[in-house]
Protein backbone atom coordinates (compact mmCIF):
# COMPACT_ATOMS: atom_id res chain seq x y z
CA MET A 1 -4.42 86.74 -153.57
CA LEU A 2 -0.78 85.68 -153.42
CA ILE A 3 -1.37 81.94 -152.94
CA VAL A 4 -2.75 79.77 -155.72
CA THR A 5 -3.62 76.13 -155.12
CA ILE A 6 -2.08 73.87 -157.73
CA THR A 7 -4.73 71.18 -157.90
CA GLY A 8 -7.72 73.32 -157.08
CA LEU A 9 -8.62 70.93 -154.25
CA SER A 10 -6.48 69.90 -151.32
CA VAL A 11 -7.35 67.95 -148.19
CA MET A 12 -5.35 67.33 -145.04
CA SER A 13 -4.45 63.67 -144.70
CA PHE A 14 -1.49 61.91 -143.06
CA ASN A 15 -2.64 62.42 -139.49
CA THR A 16 -1.79 58.83 -138.57
CA PHE A 17 1.53 57.25 -137.63
CA GLY A 18 2.51 53.67 -136.79
CA HIS A 19 1.64 50.29 -138.28
CA MET A 20 0.58 47.73 -135.67
CA PHE A 21 0.33 50.44 -133.00
CA ARG A 22 -1.42 53.24 -134.86
CA VAL A 23 -2.17 56.73 -133.60
CA THR A 24 -4.42 59.26 -135.33
CA THR A 25 -4.48 62.75 -133.81
CA PHE A 26 -7.16 65.38 -134.37
CA GLY A 27 -8.09 68.92 -133.37
CA GLU A 28 -6.66 72.42 -133.57
CA SER A 29 -4.91 74.75 -131.15
CA HIS A 30 -7.94 77.05 -130.82
CA GLY A 31 -10.67 74.52 -131.54
CA VAL A 32 -13.05 72.91 -129.07
CA ALA A 33 -10.73 70.03 -128.27
CA ILE A 34 -7.78 67.95 -129.38
CA GLY A 35 -7.30 64.22 -129.03
CA CYS A 36 -6.33 60.96 -130.65
CA VAL A 37 -7.49 57.47 -131.51
CA VAL A 38 -5.09 54.66 -130.64
CA ASP A 39 -5.62 51.47 -132.61
CA GLY A 40 -3.78 48.17 -132.19
CA CYS A 41 -3.35 48.24 -128.43
CA PRO A 42 -3.49 44.67 -127.05
CA PRO A 43 -6.33 43.78 -124.66
CA LEU A 44 -6.17 43.29 -120.89
CA LEU A 45 -3.62 46.03 -120.16
CA PRO A 46 -4.57 48.02 -117.03
CA LEU A 47 -5.34 51.57 -118.16
CA THR A 48 -7.02 54.52 -116.47
CA SER A 49 -7.09 58.22 -117.23
CA GLU A 50 -4.69 58.74 -114.30
CA ASP A 51 -2.06 56.65 -116.11
CA ILE A 52 -2.23 59.08 -119.05
CA GLN A 53 -2.66 62.23 -116.99
CA HIS A 54 0.73 61.81 -115.31
CA ASP A 55 2.55 62.27 -118.61
CA LEU A 56 0.25 65.07 -119.78
CA ASP A 57 0.94 67.01 -116.60
CA ARG A 58 4.65 66.98 -117.39
CA ARG A 59 4.01 68.58 -120.81
CA ARG A 60 1.27 70.96 -119.63
CA PRO A 61 1.87 74.70 -120.24
CA GLY A 62 1.94 77.42 -117.61
CA GLN A 63 3.90 75.52 -114.95
CA SER A 64 6.77 78.02 -114.74
CA ARG A 65 7.74 81.44 -116.06
CA PHE A 66 9.88 79.68 -118.65
CA THR A 67 6.93 78.30 -120.64
CA THR A 68 3.83 79.77 -122.25
CA GLN A 69 1.36 81.08 -119.68
CA ARG A 70 -1.59 79.56 -121.50
CA GLN A 71 -3.46 77.78 -118.69
CA GLU A 72 -4.65 74.41 -119.95
CA LEU A 73 -5.37 71.63 -117.45
CA ASP A 74 -5.05 69.09 -120.27
CA THR A 75 -7.51 66.81 -118.52
CA VAL A 76 -7.84 63.63 -120.58
CA LYS A 77 -11.03 61.63 -121.06
CA ILE A 78 -11.05 58.03 -122.24
CA LEU A 79 -14.06 57.71 -124.54
CA SER A 80 -13.67 54.10 -125.68
CA GLY A 81 -11.47 51.02 -125.64
CA THR A 82 -11.49 50.21 -121.91
CA MET A 83 -13.81 48.55 -119.43
CA ALA A 84 -13.84 47.09 -115.94
CA HIS A 85 -12.69 43.47 -116.08
CA PRO A 86 -15.67 41.27 -115.06
CA ASP A 87 -13.53 39.17 -112.70
CA THR A 88 -11.27 41.74 -111.08
CA GLY A 89 -13.02 45.07 -111.62
CA VAL A 90 -9.73 46.55 -112.86
CA GLN A 91 -10.09 48.95 -115.78
CA VAL A 92 -8.35 47.30 -118.75
CA THR A 93 -7.99 47.75 -122.49
CA THR A 94 -10.38 45.76 -124.65
CA GLY A 95 -8.29 45.51 -127.82
CA THR A 96 -10.59 47.97 -129.63
CA PRO A 97 -9.71 51.56 -130.61
CA ILE A 98 -9.00 53.82 -127.64
CA ALA A 99 -10.33 57.35 -128.16
CA LEU A 100 -8.87 60.13 -125.99
CA LEU A 101 -10.19 63.68 -125.69
CA ILE A 102 -8.53 66.79 -124.25
CA GLU A 103 -10.66 69.92 -124.20
CA ASN A 104 -9.18 73.35 -124.96
CA THR A 105 -10.16 75.78 -122.22
CA ASP A 106 -7.86 78.82 -122.48
CA GLN A 107 -7.71 79.90 -126.12
CA ARG A 108 -7.34 83.60 -126.92
CA SER A 109 -7.99 83.78 -130.64
CA LYS A 110 -8.19 87.58 -130.53
CA ASP A 111 -4.43 87.62 -129.89
CA TYR A 112 -4.00 86.64 -133.55
CA SER A 113 -6.59 88.88 -135.23
CA ASP A 114 -3.98 91.50 -136.15
CA ILE A 115 -1.88 89.01 -138.09
CA LYS A 116 -4.56 86.94 -139.82
CA ASP A 117 -3.50 88.31 -143.21
CA LYS A 118 0.24 88.20 -142.56
CA PHE A 119 2.59 85.23 -142.79
CA ARG A 120 4.69 84.78 -139.65
CA PRO A 121 8.37 84.11 -140.47
CA GLY A 122 9.49 80.72 -139.19
CA HIS A 123 5.91 79.43 -138.93
CA ALA A 124 3.94 77.21 -141.29
CA ASP A 125 1.57 80.04 -142.28
CA PHE A 126 2.88 80.43 -145.83
CA THR A 127 3.23 76.72 -146.56
CA TYR A 128 -0.19 75.80 -145.14
CA GLU A 129 -1.90 78.42 -147.29
CA ALA A 130 0.15 77.36 -150.30
CA LYS A 131 -1.06 73.80 -149.85
CA TYR A 132 -4.66 74.18 -148.66
CA GLY A 133 -5.69 77.62 -149.85
CA LEU A 134 -6.28 78.79 -146.28
CA ARG A 135 -4.78 78.47 -142.85
CA ASP A 136 -5.96 78.59 -139.26
CA TYR A 137 -4.29 81.81 -138.11
CA ARG A 138 -5.56 81.29 -134.54
CA GLY A 139 -2.42 79.88 -133.03
CA GLY A 140 -1.50 77.85 -136.08
CA GLY A 141 -4.25 75.23 -135.98
CA ARG A 142 -2.77 71.79 -136.64
CA SER A 143 0.76 73.22 -136.93
CA SER A 144 0.65 74.36 -133.31
CA ALA A 145 2.65 72.50 -130.67
CA ARG A 146 -0.72 72.12 -128.90
CA GLU A 147 -1.16 69.00 -131.07
CA THR A 148 1.67 67.28 -129.23
CA ALA A 149 -0.50 66.78 -126.13
CA SER A 150 -2.32 64.09 -128.12
CA ARG A 151 0.99 62.37 -128.83
CA VAL A 152 1.92 62.40 -125.15
CA ALA A 153 -1.43 60.79 -124.32
CA ALA A 154 -0.81 58.08 -126.89
CA GLY A 155 2.71 57.60 -125.57
CA ALA A 156 1.34 56.82 -122.13
CA ILE A 157 -0.56 53.89 -123.66
CA ALA A 158 2.54 52.82 -125.60
CA ARG A 159 4.47 52.66 -122.32
CA LYS A 160 1.97 50.05 -121.11
CA ILE A 161 2.86 47.84 -124.06
CA VAL A 162 6.61 48.17 -123.51
CA SER A 163 6.39 48.14 -119.72
CA GLY A 164 9.73 46.31 -119.47
CA MET A 165 11.46 49.24 -121.15
CA THR A 166 12.23 52.59 -119.53
CA VAL A 167 11.98 55.69 -121.73
CA ARG A 168 13.40 58.93 -120.33
CA GLY A 169 14.32 62.27 -121.85
CA ALA A 170 16.38 65.28 -120.84
CA LEU A 171 17.30 68.73 -122.10
CA VAL A 172 21.04 68.57 -122.76
CA GLN A 173 21.66 71.89 -124.50
CA MET A 174 20.05 75.33 -124.62
CA GLY A 175 21.42 77.71 -127.20
CA PRO A 176 25.19 77.12 -127.29
CA HIS A 177 25.30 75.93 -123.67
CA ARG A 178 25.69 72.17 -123.12
CA ILE A 179 25.37 70.20 -119.89
CA ASP A 180 28.33 68.53 -118.21
CA ARG A 181 27.67 64.85 -118.84
CA LYS A 182 29.79 63.90 -115.85
CA LYS A 183 27.11 65.55 -113.69
CA TRP A 184 24.21 63.64 -115.31
CA ASP A 185 21.59 62.77 -112.67
CA TRP A 186 18.24 61.41 -113.85
CA ASP A 187 16.64 62.32 -110.51
CA GLU A 188 17.59 65.98 -111.01
CA ILE A 189 15.23 66.24 -114.00
CA ALA A 190 12.16 66.37 -111.74
CA ARG A 191 13.71 69.07 -109.55
CA ASN A 192 14.01 71.87 -112.12
CA PRO A 193 11.71 73.38 -114.77
CA PHE A 194 14.01 72.49 -117.67
CA PHE A 195 14.07 68.66 -117.51
CA CYS A 196 17.84 69.15 -117.12
CA PRO A 197 19.98 66.35 -115.61
CA ASP A 198 22.80 68.74 -114.63
CA LYS A 199 21.94 70.70 -111.46
CA ASP A 200 24.53 73.41 -112.04
CA LYS A 201 23.55 73.97 -115.66
CA ALA A 202 19.86 74.10 -114.69
CA ALA A 203 20.68 76.96 -112.32
CA PHE A 204 22.50 78.73 -115.15
CA PHE A 205 19.56 78.24 -117.51
CA GLU A 206 17.29 80.17 -115.10
CA SER A 207 19.13 83.47 -115.52
CA TYR A 208 20.02 82.75 -119.15
CA LEU A 209 16.42 82.14 -120.23
CA ASP A 210 15.07 84.92 -118.01
CA ASP A 211 17.18 87.39 -119.98
CA ILE A 212 15.95 86.00 -123.31
CA ARG A 213 12.33 85.99 -122.12
CA LYS A 214 12.46 89.62 -120.91
CA LYS A 215 13.81 90.68 -124.30
CA GLY A 216 10.79 89.07 -125.98
CA SER A 217 13.07 86.68 -127.87
CA SER A 218 13.55 82.91 -127.87
CA ILE A 219 16.23 80.22 -128.05
CA GLY A 220 16.56 76.65 -129.29
CA ALA A 221 17.50 73.46 -127.46
CA VAL A 222 18.67 69.87 -127.87
CA ILE A 223 16.76 67.01 -126.25
CA GLU A 224 18.13 63.52 -125.62
CA VAL A 225 15.84 60.50 -125.23
CA VAL A 226 17.13 57.19 -123.88
CA ALA A 227 15.26 53.89 -123.89
CA GLU A 228 16.70 51.19 -121.62
CA GLY A 229 15.63 47.56 -121.45
CA VAL A 230 15.02 47.40 -125.20
CA PRO A 231 15.49 43.78 -126.31
CA ALA A 232 17.67 42.90 -129.27
CA ALA A 233 15.98 42.24 -132.64
CA LEU A 234 13.37 45.04 -132.87
CA GLY A 235 13.29 46.65 -136.31
CA ALA A 236 13.96 45.45 -139.84
CA PRO A 237 16.96 45.77 -142.15
CA ILE A 238 15.63 47.78 -145.11
CA TYR A 239 12.43 49.84 -145.15
CA ALA A 240 11.42 49.50 -141.50
CA LYS A 241 14.70 50.33 -139.80
CA LEU A 242 14.15 51.11 -136.14
CA ASP A 243 16.43 54.15 -136.30
CA ALA A 244 14.83 55.43 -139.52
CA GLU A 245 11.32 55.25 -138.09
CA LEU A 246 12.47 56.72 -134.79
CA ALA A 247 14.10 59.60 -136.65
CA ALA A 248 10.92 60.16 -138.67
CA ALA A 249 8.81 60.15 -135.50
CA LEU A 250 11.04 62.66 -133.74
CA MET A 251 11.34 64.79 -136.86
CA SER A 252 7.54 65.03 -137.01
CA ILE A 253 7.47 66.93 -133.70
CA ASN A 254 6.77 70.63 -134.17
CA ALA A 255 9.91 72.83 -134.44
CA VAL A 256 12.34 69.88 -134.70
CA LYS A 257 15.01 70.53 -137.33
CA GLY A 258 17.52 67.75 -136.74
CA VAL A 259 17.75 64.20 -135.36
CA GLU A 260 20.73 61.99 -134.60
CA ILE A 261 21.03 58.43 -133.30
CA GLY A 262 23.88 57.43 -131.00
CA ALA A 263 27.05 59.33 -131.87
CA GLY A 264 25.12 60.86 -134.76
CA PHE A 265 27.02 63.56 -136.63
CA GLY A 266 29.83 63.09 -134.14
CA ALA A 267 30.55 59.74 -135.79
CA ALA A 268 31.99 61.64 -138.75
CA GLU A 269 34.84 62.77 -136.48
CA LEU A 270 35.71 59.24 -135.30
CA SER A 271 38.04 56.69 -136.80
CA GLY A 272 36.84 53.20 -137.59
CA GLU A 273 38.58 51.89 -134.49
CA GLU A 274 36.95 54.52 -132.28
CA ASN A 275 33.46 54.16 -133.72
CA ALA A 276 33.20 50.36 -133.72
CA ASP A 277 31.27 49.06 -130.70
CA GLU A 278 33.46 46.08 -129.77
CA MET A 279 31.87 43.00 -128.23
CA ARG A 280 32.67 40.38 -125.60
CA MET A 281 30.75 37.48 -124.12
CA GLY A 282 29.39 38.14 -120.65
CA ASN A 283 27.19 36.34 -118.14
CA GLN A 284 24.11 37.64 -119.95
CA GLY A 285 25.38 36.88 -123.46
CA VAL A 286 26.94 39.39 -125.84
CA SER A 287 27.95 42.68 -124.24
CA PHE A 288 29.15 45.82 -126.00
CA LEU A 289 32.11 47.89 -124.83
CA SER A 290 30.64 51.15 -126.15
CA ASN A 291 27.43 52.42 -127.74
CA HIS A 292 28.29 54.77 -130.58
CA ALA A 293 25.53 53.07 -132.63
CA GLY A 294 22.87 54.25 -130.18
CA GLY A 295 21.56 50.74 -129.63
CA ILE A 296 20.73 50.08 -133.28
CA LEU A 297 22.77 48.29 -135.96
CA GLY A 298 21.48 47.66 -139.49
CA GLY A 299 18.10 49.04 -138.45
CA ILE A 300 17.71 46.43 -135.69
CA SER A 301 18.09 46.96 -131.94
CA THR A 302 21.19 45.51 -130.28
CA GLY A 303 19.86 45.21 -126.74
CA GLN A 304 21.79 48.29 -125.64
CA PRO A 305 20.06 51.53 -124.67
CA VAL A 306 18.50 53.23 -127.67
CA VAL A 307 19.76 56.82 -127.70
CA ALA A 308 18.41 59.64 -129.86
CA ARG A 309 18.81 63.41 -129.81
CA PHE A 310 16.80 66.06 -131.59
CA ALA A 311 17.32 69.78 -132.13
CA VAL A 312 14.41 72.17 -131.53
CA LYS A 313 14.55 75.55 -133.23
CA PRO A 314 13.82 78.80 -131.37
CA THR A 315 10.15 79.68 -130.97
CA SER A 316 9.24 81.71 -134.07
CA SER A 317 6.66 83.90 -132.29
CA ILE A 318 8.74 86.73 -130.82
CA LEU A 319 8.10 90.39 -129.98
CA SER A 320 10.81 91.79 -132.24
CA PRO A 321 9.40 93.14 -135.54
CA ARG A 322 10.21 90.89 -138.50
CA ARG A 323 9.92 91.46 -142.25
CA THR A 324 7.29 89.42 -144.08
CA VAL A 325 4.58 89.56 -146.76
CA ASP A 326 0.81 89.49 -146.52
CA ARG A 327 -1.78 87.38 -148.31
CA GLY A 328 -2.14 90.04 -150.98
CA GLY A 329 1.55 89.89 -151.87
CA ALA A 330 2.65 93.15 -150.26
CA ASP A 331 5.80 93.56 -148.19
CA THR A 332 5.08 94.34 -144.54
CA ASP A 333 6.36 93.90 -141.00
CA ILE A 334 4.97 91.70 -138.24
CA MET A 335 5.27 91.48 -134.46
CA THR A 336 3.67 88.46 -132.81
CA LYS A 337 1.76 88.95 -129.59
CA GLY A 338 0.23 86.24 -127.42
CA ARG A 339 1.63 83.72 -124.96
CA HIS A 340 4.59 81.74 -126.26
CA ASP A 341 7.42 79.59 -124.93
CA PRO A 342 10.79 81.41 -124.85
CA CYS A 343 12.28 77.93 -125.34
CA VAL A 344 9.82 75.47 -126.82
CA GLY A 345 12.42 72.73 -126.38
CA ILE A 346 11.65 72.50 -122.66
CA ARG A 347 8.17 71.02 -123.11
CA ALA A 348 9.44 68.91 -126.01
CA VAL A 349 11.07 66.48 -123.56
CA PRO A 350 7.90 64.47 -122.70
CA VAL A 351 6.87 64.68 -126.37
CA GLY A 352 10.15 63.07 -127.43
CA GLU A 353 9.67 60.38 -124.81
CA ALA A 354 6.17 59.70 -126.14
CA MET A 355 7.32 59.34 -129.73
CA MET A 356 10.13 56.99 -128.67
CA ALA A 357 7.62 54.89 -126.70
CA CYS A 358 5.18 54.78 -129.63
CA VAL A 359 7.87 53.64 -132.08
CA LEU A 360 9.11 50.95 -129.68
CA ALA A 361 5.56 49.73 -129.02
CA ASP A 362 4.89 49.55 -132.75
CA HIS A 363 8.08 47.60 -133.45
CA PHE A 364 7.54 45.34 -130.46
CA LEU A 365 4.11 44.33 -131.78
CA ARG A 366 5.41 43.96 -135.33
CA HIS A 367 8.27 41.76 -134.14
CA ARG A 368 5.89 39.61 -132.11
CA GLY A 369 3.59 39.29 -135.11
CA GLN A 370 6.44 38.20 -137.39
CA VAL A 371 8.47 35.86 -135.21
CA GLY A 372 6.21 35.21 -132.20
CA GLY A 373 7.12 35.45 -128.55
């Protein structure tokens, strides 16, 4: 056996994120179901399964040839935390934990039987076994992007809390190919399978990704998430910076390898004069002349749009043979079969939106608890 546990006993914890708005996800890719428990949601917010289903349908697999053909309806069930209001009959939150369940209906565990003793390069196989002494080889278990459906469900509830804010995401780069920001059209996102705001670039991505898909390979992408209507003053200056917790939330998404806020790494190329977001007084108070800070200064929101981007690596499950080792410590080769996204970044768009919404909901409730209002 190649892997030796250091402590002799290891358990999987840290399945919860948030403070006032807390989300705990559960379930595995090839288990009976996945889901989450949302704690800290205020009472009397209208909430039905249809409100959540809308966002889940945007993340759902099998909707085009450019995503995995695993056919999951991702139908959500609300198990607790809501009831019909006795006066109006409207289904509302009760202030108690909201449990959500999404059944798995199209697992093909046999697709992974040939590789159960081999570590897939780029996946968490090796590290999971190093930590826990075993791993769920059937699609990756908890390390599968299947887990993100639970986050999207939680994000739909978070949107109810921050209903005055608009959170939208878009795919702005695939491989080395970036969109033309002058052609940005939010409405275009719903018209193509890539969540791309540039109509011309979306048309290019069709042939580009088709070629990659037919070769059995994959490609990475960059996703941008923008939250508008965010009030000033959310966040805290030291250990609860809004940008730090947003970066952590986005970085926790499967396959994400980089996060930047506002100008991000591009700020290193700017002079002090170029980077400073100058201010003037307007009819609505202070207005900024630019937004290189991405709507956050000193860890606290400025009232401008909060802008974050994250880089998603290429899907590691590809048809090309790769060199690896097995559980016994022998060198070997591996070729991954099954149904996989040629660009996992596409379906990461609604996941990024959900994590942004959850972080904003959490900070909104924390701010209200500290200063009122």
